Amino acid sequence: DAEVAAEACQGKAVVAAVPLRVQWGKPKVLDTMDRDQRMAQARAGRDTARAVAGSSGAGTSGPVSAQSGRAAREAEIESMSAVAPPPGADDVQYASLAGD
């Protein structure tokens, strides 16, 4: 029972050597959105996620789709244009550094 546990610790608790204060309160709404509006937006988000997953072929199963996904990622990486070299890899001479 939560009330018995709260009574036993007298409003104080220590978890992993960190003292905590135990307080009771009612849950508070974090935003001003109406419940029906929140549910409609959640439903729309789930429908959108389902549509995106269905169009990208994420519904297929088995090792074939995993390998084709890996091959697609590797092809995308290989098709990338030049990647910036790490600092100091190229000896670049700027006019401001040469004193001109």
PDB file of N, CA and C in Angstrom:
ATOM      1  N   ASP A   1       0.844  -1.172   0.000  1.00  0.00           N
ATOM      2  CA  ASP A   1       0.000   0.000   0.000  1.00  0.00           C
ATOM      3  C   ASP A   1       0.900   1.249   0.000  1.00  0.00           C
ATOM      4  N   ALA A   2       0.642   2.175  -0.897  1.00  0.00           N
ATOM      5  CA  ALA A   2       1.478   3.365  -1.046  1.00  0.00           C
ATOM      6  C   ALA A   2       1.401   4.265   0.178  1.00  0.00           C
ATOM      7  N   GLU A   3       0.213   4.375   0.760  1.00  0.00           N
ATOM      8  CA  GLU A   3       0.064   5.238   1.927  1.00  0.00           C
ATOM      9  C   GLU A   3       0.878   4.721   3.113  1.00  0.00           C
ATOM     10  N   VAL A   4       0.903   3.398   3.298  1.00  0.00           N
ATOM     11  CA  VAL A   4       1.671   2.801   4.380  1.00  0.00           C
ATOM     12  C   VAL A   4       3.161   3.036   4.160  1.00  0.00           C
ATOM     13  N   ALA A   5       3.608   2.892   2.921  1.00  0.00           N
ATOM     14  CA  ALA A   5       5.021   3.118   2.605  1.00  0.00           C
ATOM     15  C   ALA A   5       5.395   4.576   2.821  1.00  0.00           C
ATOM     16  N   ALA A   6       4.527   5.494   2.420  1.00  0.00           N
ATOM     17  CA  ALA A   6       4.804   6.921   2.614  1.00  0.00           C
ATOM     18  C   ALA A   6       4.847   7.260   4.096  1.00  0.00           C
ATOM     19  N   GLU A   7       3.967   6.643   4.878  1.00  0.00           N
ATOM     20  CA  GLU A   7       3.958   6.868   6.323  1.00  0.00           C
ATOM     21  C   GLU A   7       5.245   6.337   6.962  1.00  0.00           C
ATOM     22  N   ALA A   8       5.718   5.198   6.477  1.00  0.00           N
ATOM     23  CA  ALA A   8       6.913   4.587   7.047  1.00  0.00           C
ATOM     24  C   ALA A   8       8.161   5.418   6.775  1.00  0.00           C
ATOM     25  N   CYS A   9       8.250   6.020   5.600  1.00  0.00           N
ATOM     26  CA  CYS A   9       9.458   6.798   5.301  1.00  0.00           C
ATOM     27  C   CYS A   9       9.329   8.244   5.756  1.00  0.00           C
ATOM     28  N   GLN A  10       8.185   8.648   6.268  1.00  0.00           N
ATOM     29  CA  GLN A  10       7.936   9.971   6.842  1.00  0.00           C
ATOM     30  C   GLN A  10       8.284  11.103   5.881  1.00  0.00           C
ATOM     31  N   GLY A  11       7.962  10.905   4.591  1.00  0.00           N
ATOM     32  CA  GLY A  11       8.172  11.959   3.607  1.00  0.00           C
ATOM     33  C   GLY A  11       9.583  12.057   3.089  1.00  0.00           C
ATOM     34  N   LYS A  12      10.467  11.182   3.536  1.00  0.00           N
ATOM     35  CA  LYS A  12      11.860  11.216   3.076  1.00  0.00           C
ATOM     36  C   LYS A  12      12.235   9.842   2.552  1.00  0.00           C
ATOM     37  N   ALA A  13      13.037   9.827   1.494  1.00  0.00           N
ATOM     38  CA  ALA A  13      13.520   8.571   0.928  1.00  0.00           C
ATOM     39  C   ALA A  13      14.928   8.795   0.394  1.00  0.00           C
ATOM     40  N   VAL A  14      15.712   7.746   0.375  1.00  0.00           N
ATOM     41  CA  VAL A  14      17.070   7.816  -0.159  1.00  0.00           C
ATOM     42  C   VAL A  14      17.187   6.732  -1.220  1.00  0.00           C
ATOM     43  N   VAL A  15      17.487   7.143  -2.464  1.00  0.00           N
ATOM     44  CA  VAL A  15      17.650   6.220  -3.574  1.00  0.00           C
ATOM     45  C   VAL A  15      19.028   6.463  -4.164  1.00  0.00           C
ATOM     46  N   ALA A  16      19.851   5.449  -4.195  1.00  0.00           N
ATOM     47  CA  ALA A  16      21.220   5.536  -4.720  1.00  0.00           C
ATOM     48  C   ALA A  16      21.967   6.693  -4.066  1.00  0.00           C
ATOM     49  N   ALA A  17      21.868   6.801  -2.770  1.00  0.00           N
ATOM     50  CA  ALA A  17      22.548   7.817  -1.954  1.00  0.00           C
ATOM     51  C   ALA A  17      22.099   9.238  -2.265  1.00  0.00           C
ATOM     52  N   VAL A  18      20.912   9.377  -2.892  1.00  0.00           N
ATOM     53  CA  VAL A  18      20.362  10.707  -3.178  1.00  0.00           C
ATOM     54  C   VAL A  18      19.091  10.874  -2.352  1.00  0.00           C
ATOM     55  N   PRO A  19      19.067  11.846  -1.431  1.00  0.00           N
ATOM     56  CA  PRO A  19      17.850  12.037  -0.636  1.00  0.00           C
ATOM     57  C   PRO A  19      16.733  12.633  -1.478  1.00  0.00           C
ATOM     58  N   LEU A  20      15.547  12.072  -1.346  1.00  0.00           N
ATOM     59  CA  LEU A  20      14.370  12.538  -2.079  1.00  0.00           C
ATOM     60  C   LEU A  20      13.276  12.912  -1.100  1.00  0.00           C
ATOM     61  N   ARG A  21      12.431  13.844  -1.505  1.00  0.00           N
ATOM     62  CA  ARG A  21      11.296  14.224  -0.685  1.00  0.00           C
ATOM     63  C   ARG A  21      10.041  13.649  -1.337  1.00  0.00           C
ATOM     64  N   VAL A  22       9.227  12.943  -0.578  1.00  0.00           N
ATOM     65  CA  VAL A  22       8.012  12.314  -1.078  1.00  0.00           C
ATOM     66  C   VAL A  22       6.841  13.251  -0.833  1.00  0.00           C
ATOM     67  N   GLN A  23       6.131  13.565  -1.911  1.00  0.00           N
ATOM     68  CA  GLN A  23       4.964  14.437  -1.805  1.00  0.00           C
ATOM     69  C   GLN A  23       3.812  13.809  -2.582  1.00  0.00           C
ATOM     70  N   TRP A  24       2.613  14.031  -2.091  1.00  0.00           N
ATOM     71  CA  TRP A  24       1.427  13.532  -2.760  1.00  0.00           C
ATOM     72  C   TRP A  24       0.708  14.700  -3.404  1.00  0.00           C
ATOM     73  N   GLY A  25       0.122  14.458  -4.564  1.00  0.00           N
ATOM     74  CA  GLY A  25      -0.646  15.497  -5.226  1.00  0.00           C
ATOM     75  C   GLY A  25      -1.473  14.904  -6.347  1.00  0.00           C
ATOM     76  N   LYS A  26      -2.378  15.698  -6.854  1.00  0.00           N
ATOM     77  CA  LYS A  26      -3.202  15.266  -7.969  1.00  0.00           C
ATOM     78  C   LYS A  26      -2.427  15.437  -9.271  1.00  0.00           C
ATOM     79  N   PRO A  27      -2.675  14.564 -10.245  1.00  0.00           N
ATOM     80  CA  PRO A  27      -2.037  14.744 -11.545  1.00  0.00           C
ATOM     81  C   PRO A  27      -2.495  16.060 -12.172  1.00  0.00           C
ATOM     82  N   LYS A  28      -1.579  16.734 -12.821  1.00  0.00           N
ATOM     83  CA  LYS A  28      -1.897  18.025 -13.422  1.00  0.00           C
ATOM     84  C   LYS A  28      -1.773  17.924 -14.935  1.00  0.00           C
ATOM     85  N   VAL A  29      -2.662  18.600 -15.632  1.00  0.00           N
ATOM     86  CA  VAL A  29      -2.634  18.645 -17.084  1.00  0.00           C
ATOM     87  C   VAL A  29      -1.435  19.494 -17.503  1.00  0.00           C
ATOM     88  N   LEU A  30      -0.639  18.993 -18.435  1.00  0.00           N
ATOM     89  CA  LEU A  30       0.551  19.708 -18.853  1.00  0.00           C
ATOM     90  C   LEU A  30       0.278  20.735 -19.946  1.00  0.00           C
ATOM     91  N   ASP A  31      -0.846  20.607 -20.624  1.00  0.00           N
ATOM     92  CA  ASP A  31      -1.169  21.577 -21.670  1.00  0.00           C
ATOM     93  C   ASP A  31      -2.654  21.933 -21.592  1.00  0.00           C
ATOM     94  N   THR A  32      -3.066  22.840 -22.438  1.00  0.00           N
ATOM     95  CA  THR A  32      -4.456  23.291 -22.419  1.00  0.00           C
ATOM     96  C   THR A  32      -5.278  22.640 -23.514  1.00  0.00           C
ATOM     97  N   MET A  33      -4.728  21.626 -24.192  1.00  0.00           N
ATOM     98  CA  MET A  33      -5.433  20.976 -25.280  1.00  0.00           C
ATOM     99  C   MET A  33      -6.569  20.111 -24.736  1.00  0.00           C
ATOM    100  N   ASP A  34      -7.699  20.159 -25.415  1.00  0.00           N
ATOM    101  CA  ASP A  34      -8.859  19.368 -25.053  1.00  0.00           C
ATOM    102  C   ASP A  34      -8.557  17.889 -25.285  1.00  0.00           C
ATOM    103  N   ARG A  35      -9.118  17.026 -24.443  1.00  0.00           N
ATOM    104  CA  ARG A  35      -8.847  15.586 -24.543  1.00  0.00           C
ATOM    105  C   ARG A  35      -9.231  15.042 -25.909  1.00  0.00           C
ATOM    106  N   ASP A  36     -10.380  15.454 -26.444  1.00  0.00           N
ATOM    107  CA  ASP A  36     -10.818  14.976 -27.753  1.00  0.00           C
ATOM    108  C   ASP A  36      -9.848  15.411 -28.854  1.00  0.00           C
ATOM    109  N   GLN A  37      -9.368  16.633 -28.768  1.00  0.00           N
ATOM    110  CA  GLN A  37      -8.409  17.134 -29.750  1.00  0.00           C
ATOM    111  C   GLN A  37      -7.096  16.368 -29.649  1.00  0.00           C
ATOM    112  N   ARG A  38      -6.648  16.080 -28.431  1.00  0.00           N
ATOM    113  CA  ARG A  38      -5.417  15.319 -28.227  1.00  0.00           C
ATOM    114  C   ARG A  38      -5.550  13.915 -28.810  1.00  0.00           C
ATOM    115  N   MET A  39      -6.709  13.280 -28.587  1.00  0.00           N
ATOM    116  CA  MET A  39      -6.936  11.935 -29.115  1.00  0.00           C
ATOM    117  C   MET A  39      -6.980  11.949 -30.645  1.00  0.00           C
ATOM    118  N   ALA A  40      -7.584  12.985 -31.237  1.00  0.00           N
ATOM    119  CA  ALA A  40      -7.647  13.089 -32.698  1.00  0.00           C
ATOM    120  C   ALA A  40      -6.249  13.248 -33.287  1.00  0.00           C
ATOM    121  N   GLN A  41      -5.420  14.053 -32.651  1.00  0.00           N
ATOM    122  CA  GLN A  41      -4.060  14.233 -33.148  1.00  0.00           C
ATOM    123  C   GLN A  41      -3.250  12.959 -32.999  1.00  0.00           C
ATOM    124  N   ALA A  42      -3.424  12.240 -31.911  1.00  0.00           N
ATOM    125  CA  ALA A  42      -2.716  10.978 -31.721  1.00  0.00           C
ATOM    126  C   ALA A  42      -3.145   9.968 -32.782  1.00  0.00           C
ATOM    127  N   ARG A  43      -4.437   9.913 -33.068  1.00  0.00           N
ATOM    128  CA  ARG A  43      -4.957   8.999 -34.087  1.00  0.00           C
ATOM    129  C   ARG A  43      -4.389   9.353 -35.459  1.00  0.00           C
ATOM    130  N   ALA A  44      -4.335  10.648 -35.774  1.00  0.00           N
ATOM    131  CA  ALA A  44      -3.776  11.089 -37.059  1.00  0.00           C
ATOM    132  C   ALA A  44      -2.297  10.729 -37.152  1.00  0.00           C
ATOM    133  N   GLY A  45      -1.577  10.868 -36.054  1.00  0.00           N
ATOM    134  CA  GLY A  45      -0.164  10.506 -36.049  1.00  0.00           C
ATOM    135  C   GLY A  45       0.047   9.023 -36.275  1.00  0.00           C
ATOM    136  N   ARG A  46      -0.777   8.204 -35.650  1.00  0.00           N
ATOM    137  CA  ARG A  46      -0.658   6.754 -35.849  1.00  0.00           C
ATOM    138  C   ARG A  46      -0.983   6.388 -37.291  1.00  0.00           C
ATOM    139  N   ASP A  47      -2.028   7.022 -37.865  1.00  0.00           N
ATOM    140  CA  ASP A  47      -2.393   6.745 -39.257  1.00  0.00           C
ATOM    141  C   ASP A  47      -1.265   7.147 -40.201  1.00  0.00           C
ATOM    142  N   THR A  48      -0.633   8.292 -39.949  1.00  0.00           N
ATOM    143  CA  THR A  48       0.472   8.746 -40.782  1.00  0.00           C
ATOM    144  C   THR A  48       1.651   7.788 -40.679  1.00  0.00           C
ATOM    145  N   ALA A  49       1.975   7.348 -39.469  1.00  0.00           N
ATOM    146  CA  ALA A  49       3.089   6.416 -39.279  1.00  0.00           C
ATOM    147  C   ALA A  49       2.808   5.104 -40.002  1.00  0.00           C
ATOM    148  N   ARG A  50       1.569   4.632 -39.946  1.00  0.00           N
ATOM    149  CA  ARG A  50       1.198   3.406 -40.644  1.00  0.00           C
ATOM    150  C   ARG A  50       1.331   3.574 -42.150  1.00  0.00           C
ATOM    151  N   ALA A  51       0.899   4.738 -42.667  1.00  0.00           N
ATOM    152  CA  ALA A  51       0.978   4.994 -44.103  1.00  0.00           C
ATOM    153  C   ALA A  51       2.426   5.063 -44.570  1.00  0.00           C
ATOM    154  N   VAL A  52       3.280   5.709 -43.792  1.00  0.00           N
ATOM    155  CA  VAL A  52       4.696   5.815 -44.152  1.00  0.00           C
ATOM    156  C   VAL A  52       5.349   4.436 -44.115  1.00  0.00           C
ATOM    157  N   ALA A  53       5.039   3.652 -43.107  1.00  0.00           N
ATOM    158  CA  ALA A  53       5.619   2.313 -42.993  1.00  0.00           C
ATOM    159  C   ALA A  53       5.132   1.425 -44.133  1.00  0.00           C
ATOM    160  N   GLY A  54       3.889   1.575 -44.515  1.00  0.00           N
ATOM    161  CA  GLY A  54       3.344   0.764 -45.602  1.00  0.00           C
ATOM    162  C   GLY A  54       3.942   1.133 -46.944  1.00  0.00           C
ATOM    163  N   SER A  55       4.192   2.418 -47.192  1.00  0.00           N
ATOM    164  CA  SER A  55       4.725   2.840 -48.484  1.00  0.00           C
ATOM    165  C   SER A  55       6.213   2.562 -48.612  1.00  0.00           C
ATOM    166  N   SER A  56       6.934   2.487 -47.503  1.00  0.00           N
ATOM    167  CA  SER A  56       8.374   2.250 -47.574  1.00  0.00           C
ATOM    168  C   SER A  56       8.709   0.773 -47.587  1.00  0.00           C
ATOM    169  N   GLY A  57       7.714  -0.085 -47.486  1.00  0.00           N
ATOM    170  CA  GLY A  57       7.985  -1.525 -47.505  1.00  0.00           C
ATOM    171  C   GLY A  57       8.431  -2.050 -46.168  1.00  0.00           C
ATOM    172  N   ALA A  58       8.207  -1.313 -45.104  1.00  0.00           N
ATOM    173  CA  ALA A  58       8.635  -1.762 -43.787  1.00  0.00           C
ATOM    174  C   ALA A  58       7.818  -2.951 -43.308  1.00  0.00           C
ATOM    175  N   GLY A  59       6.693  -3.228 -43.975  1.00  0.00           N
ATOM    176  CA  GLY A  59       5.856  -4.327 -43.556  1.00  0.00           C
ATOM    177  C   GLY A  59       6.383  -5.678 -43.999  1.00  0.00           C
ATOM    178  N   THR A  60       7.354  -5.693 -44.924  1.00  0.00           N
ATOM    179  CA  THR A  60       7.883  -6.973 -45.359  1.00  0.00           C
ATOM    180  C   THR A  60       8.723  -7.575 -44.257  1.00  0.00           C
ATOM    181  N   SER A  61       8.787  -8.876 -44.263  1.00  0.00           N
ATOM    182  CA  SER A  61       9.525  -9.524 -43.193  1.00  0.00           C
ATOM    183  C   SER A  61      10.573 -10.438 -43.775  1.00  0.00           C
ATOM    184  N   GLY A  62      11.498 -10.845 -42.937  1.00  0.00           N
ATOM    185  CA  GLY A  62      12.502 -11.802 -43.333  1.00  0.00           C
ATOM    186  C   GLY A  62      13.841 -11.155 -43.576  1.00  0.00           C
ATOM    187  N   PRO A  63      14.868 -12.002 -43.752  1.00  0.00           N
ATOM    188  CA  PRO A  63      16.224 -11.489 -43.913  1.00  0.00           C
ATOM    189  C   PRO A  63      16.439 -10.777 -45.240  1.00  0.00           C
ATOM    190  N   VAL A  64      15.588 -11.027 -46.238  1.00  0.00           N
ATOM    191  CA  VAL A  64      15.764 -10.367 -47.526  1.00  0.00           C
ATOM    192  C   VAL A  64      15.598  -8.858 -47.385  1.00  0.00           C
ATOM    193  N   SER A  65      14.573  -8.415 -46.650  1.00  0.00           N
ATOM    194  CA  SER A  65      14.355  -6.985 -46.481  1.00  0.00           C
ATOM    195  C   SER A  65      15.461  -6.348 -45.650  1.00  0.00           C
ATOM    196  N   ALA A  66      16.013  -7.080 -44.699  1.00  0.00           N
ATOM    197  CA  ALA A  66      17.104  -6.541 -43.887  1.00  0.00           C
ATOM    198  C   ALA A  66      18.345  -6.354 -44.747  1.00  0.00           C
ATOM    199  N   GLN A  67      18.630  -7.311 -45.638  1.00  0.00           N
ATOM    200  CA  GLN A  67      19.799  -7.190 -46.496  1.00  0.00           C
ATOM    201  C   GLN A  67      19.605  -6.099 -47.529  1.00  0.00           C
ATOM    202  N   SER A  68      18.401  -5.983 -48.081  1.00  0.00           N
ATOM    203  CA  SER A  68      18.175  -4.932 -49.071  1.00  0.00           C
ATOM    204  C   SER A  68      18.260  -3.566 -48.414  1.00  0.00           C
ATOM    205  N   GLY A  69      17.830  -3.454 -47.173  1.00  0.00           N
ATOM    206  CA  GLY A  69      17.959  -2.192 -46.454  1.00  0.00           C
ATOM    207  C   GLY A  69      19.405  -1.840 -46.204  1.00  0.00           C
ATOM    208  N   ARG A  70      20.211  -2.843 -45.856  1.00  0.00           N
ATOM    209  CA  ARG A  70      21.635  -2.624 -45.635  1.00  0.00           C
ATOM    210  C   ARG A  70      22.308  -2.217 -46.939  1.00  0.00           C
ATOM    211  N   ALA A  71      21.955  -2.887 -48.032  1.00  0.00           N
ATOM    212  CA  ALA A  71      22.535  -2.559 -49.333  1.00  0.00           C
ATOM    213  C   ALA A  71      22.148  -1.145 -49.754  1.00  0.00           C
ATOM    214  N   ALA A  72      20.924  -0.751 -49.468  1.00  0.00           N
ATOM    215  CA  ALA A  72      20.486   0.608 -49.806  1.00  0.00           C
ATOM    216  C   ALA A  72      21.267   1.646 -49.010  1.00  0.00           C
ATOM    217  N   ARG A  73      21.517   1.368 -47.726  1.00  0.00           N
ATOM    218  CA  ARG A  73      22.292   2.305 -46.909  1.00  0.00           C
ATOM    219  C   ARG A  73      23.726   2.403 -47.411  1.00  0.00           C
ATOM    220  N   GLU A  74      24.320   1.248 -47.772  1.00  0.00           N
ATOM    221  CA  GLU A  74      25.688   1.264 -48.279  1.00  0.00           C
ATOM    222  C   GLU A  74      25.774   2.011 -49.602  1.00  0.00           C
ATOM    223  N   ALA A  75      24.791   1.819 -50.479  1.00  0.00           N
ATOM    224  CA  ALA A  75      24.775   2.530 -51.757  1.00  0.00           C
ATOM    225  C   ALA A  75      24.626   4.031 -51.529  1.00  0.00           C
ATOM    226  N   GLU A  76      23.821   4.407 -50.555  1.00  0.00           N
ATOM    227  CA  GLU A  76      23.648   5.825 -50.249  1.00  0.00           C
ATOM    228  C   GLU A  76      24.951   6.434 -49.748  1.00  0.00           C
ATOM    229  N   ILE A  77      25.666   5.717 -48.908  1.00  0.00           N
ATOM    230  CA  ILE A  77      26.943   6.207 -48.383  1.00  0.00           C
ATOM    231  C   ILE A  77      27.956   6.343 -49.509  1.00  0.00           C
ATOM    232  N   GLU A  78      28.006   5.345 -50.407  1.00  0.00           N
ATOM    233  CA  GLU A  78      28.961   5.397 -51.519  1.00  0.00           C
ATOM    234  C   GLU A  78      28.636   6.518 -52.496  1.00  0.00           C
ATOM    235  N   SER A  79      27.353   6.868 -52.629  1.00  0.00           N
ATOM    236  CA  SER A  79      26.975   7.909 -53.578  1.00  0.00           C
ATOM    237  C   SER A  79      27.164   9.313 -53.022  1.00  0.00           C
ATOM    238  N   MET A  80      27.532   9.438 -51.765  1.00  0.00           N
ATOM    239  CA  MET A  80      27.727  10.763 -51.183  1.00  0.00           C
ATOM    240  C   MET A  80      28.900  11.462 -51.850  1.00  0.00           C
ATOM    241  N   SER A  81      28.757  12.765 -52.013  1.00  0.00           N
ATOM    242  CA  SER A  81      29.855  13.525 -52.585  1.00  0.00           C
ATOM    243  C   SER A  81      30.937  13.706 -51.527  1.00  0.00           C
ATOM    244  N   ALA A  82      31.897  14.535 -51.818  1.00  0.00           N
ATOM    245  CA  ALA A  82      33.075  14.696 -50.972  1.00  0.00           C
ATOM    246  C   ALA A  82      32.705  14.974 -49.522  1.00  0.00           C
ATOM    247  N   VAL A  83      33.422  14.317 -48.662  1.00  0.00           N
ATOM    248  CA  VAL A  83      33.267  14.523 -47.231  1.00  0.00           C
ATOM    249  C   VAL A  83      34.428  15.397 -46.783  1.00  0.00           C
ATOM    250  N   ALA A  84      34.156  16.351 -45.931  1.00  0.00           N
ATOM    251  CA  ALA A  84      35.195  17.270 -45.473  1.00  0.00           C
ATOM    252  C   ALA A  84      36.303  16.496 -44.776  1.00  0.00           C
ATOM    253  N   PRO A  85      37.555  16.807 -45.118  1.00  0.00           N
ATOM    254  CA  PRO A  85      38.671  16.125 -44.461  1.00  0.00           C
ATOM    255  C   PRO A  85      38.801  16.582 -43.013  1.00  0.00           C
ATOM    256  N   PRO A  86      39.419  15.779 -42.183  1.00  0.00           N
ATOM    257  CA  PRO A  86      39.582  16.177 -40.785  1.00  0.00           C
ATOM    258  C   PRO A  86      40.507  17.386 -40.679  1.00  0.00           C
ATOM    259  N   PRO A  87      40.400  18.155 -39.626  1.00  0.00           N
ATOM    260  CA  PRO A  87      41.246  19.332 -39.468  1.00  0.00           C
ATOM    261  C   PRO A  87      42.719  18.961 -39.519  1.00  0.00           C
ATOM    262  N   GLY A  88      43.472  19.732 -40.294  1.00  0.00           N
ATOM    263  CA  GLY A  88      44.897  19.505 -40.390  1.00  0.00           C
ATOM    264  C   GLY A  88      45.303  18.521 -41.473  1.00  0.00           C
ATOM    265  N   ALA A  89      44.330  17.893 -42.160  1.00  0.00           N
ATOM    266  CA  ALA A  89      44.663  16.917 -43.191  1.00  0.00           C
ATOM    267  C   ALA A  89      45.223  17.607 -44.431  1.00  0.00           C
ATOM    268  N   ASP A  90      44.701  18.764 -44.788  1.00  0.00           N
ATOM    269  CA  ASP A  90      45.191  19.523 -45.938  1.00  0.00           C
ATOM    270  C   ASP A  90      45.946  20.743 -45.439  1.00  0.00           C
ATOM    271  N   ASP A  91      47.059  21.033 -46.077  1.00  0.00           N
ATOM    272  CA  ASP A  91      47.832  22.216 -45.703  1.00  0.00           C
ATOM    273  C   ASP A  91      47.347  23.368 -46.571  1.00  0.00           C
ATOM    274  N   VAL A  92      46.366  24.102 -46.097  1.00  0.00           N
ATOM    275  CA  VAL A  92      45.758  25.184 -46.854  1.00  0.00           C
ATOM    276  C   VAL A  92      46.459  26.490 -46.485  1.00  0.00           C
ATOM    277  N   GLN A  93      46.836  27.253 -47.504  1.00  0.00           N
ATOM    278  CA  GLN A  93      47.469  28.548 -47.288  1.00  0.00           C
ATOM    279  C   GLN A  93      46.466  29.642 -47.622  1.00  0.00           C
ATOM    280  N   TYR A  94      46.010  30.345 -46.612  1.00  0.00           N
ATOM    281  CA  TYR A  94      45.095  31.450 -46.802  1.00  0.00           C
ATOM    282  C   TYR A  94      45.910  32.732 -46.905  1.00  0.00           C
ATOM    283  N   ALA A  95      45.381  33.698 -47.669  1.00  0.00           N
ATOM    284  CA  ALA A  95      46.079  34.965 -47.856  1.00  0.00           C
ATOM    285  C   ALA A  95      46.261  35.679 -46.522  1.00  0.00           C
ATOM    286  N   SER A  96      45.274  35.558 -45.653  1.00  0.00           N
ATOM    287  CA  SER A  96      45.366  36.240 -44.354  1.00  0.00           C
ATOM    288  C   SER A  96      46.475  35.636 -43.491  1.00  0.00           C
ATOM    289  N   LEU A  97      46.766  34.372 -43.686  1.00  0.00           N
ATOM    290  CA  LEU A  97      47.815  33.728 -42.913  1.00  0.00           C
ATOM    291  C   LEU A  97      49.200  34.005 -43.480  1.00  0.00           C
ATOM    292  N   ALA A  98      49.265  34.286 -44.797  1.00  0.00           N
ATOM    293  CA  ALA A  98      50.548  34.528 -45.447  1.00  0.00           C
ATOM    294  C   ALA A  98      51.022  35.974 -45.242  1.00  0.00           C
ATOM    295  N   GLY A  99      50.160  36.836 -44.778  1.00  0.00           N
ATOM    296  CA  GLY A  99      50.523  38.225 -44.543  1.00  0.00           C
ATOM    297  C   GLY A  99      50.287  39.105 -45.747  1.00  0.00           C
ATOM    298  N   ASP A 100      49.600  38.595 -46.763  1.00  0.00           N
ATOM    299  CA  ASP A 100      49.327  39.394 -47.955  1.00  0.00           C
ATOM    300  C   ASP A 100      48.160  40.325 -47.728  1.00  0.00           C
TER     301      ASP A 100
END
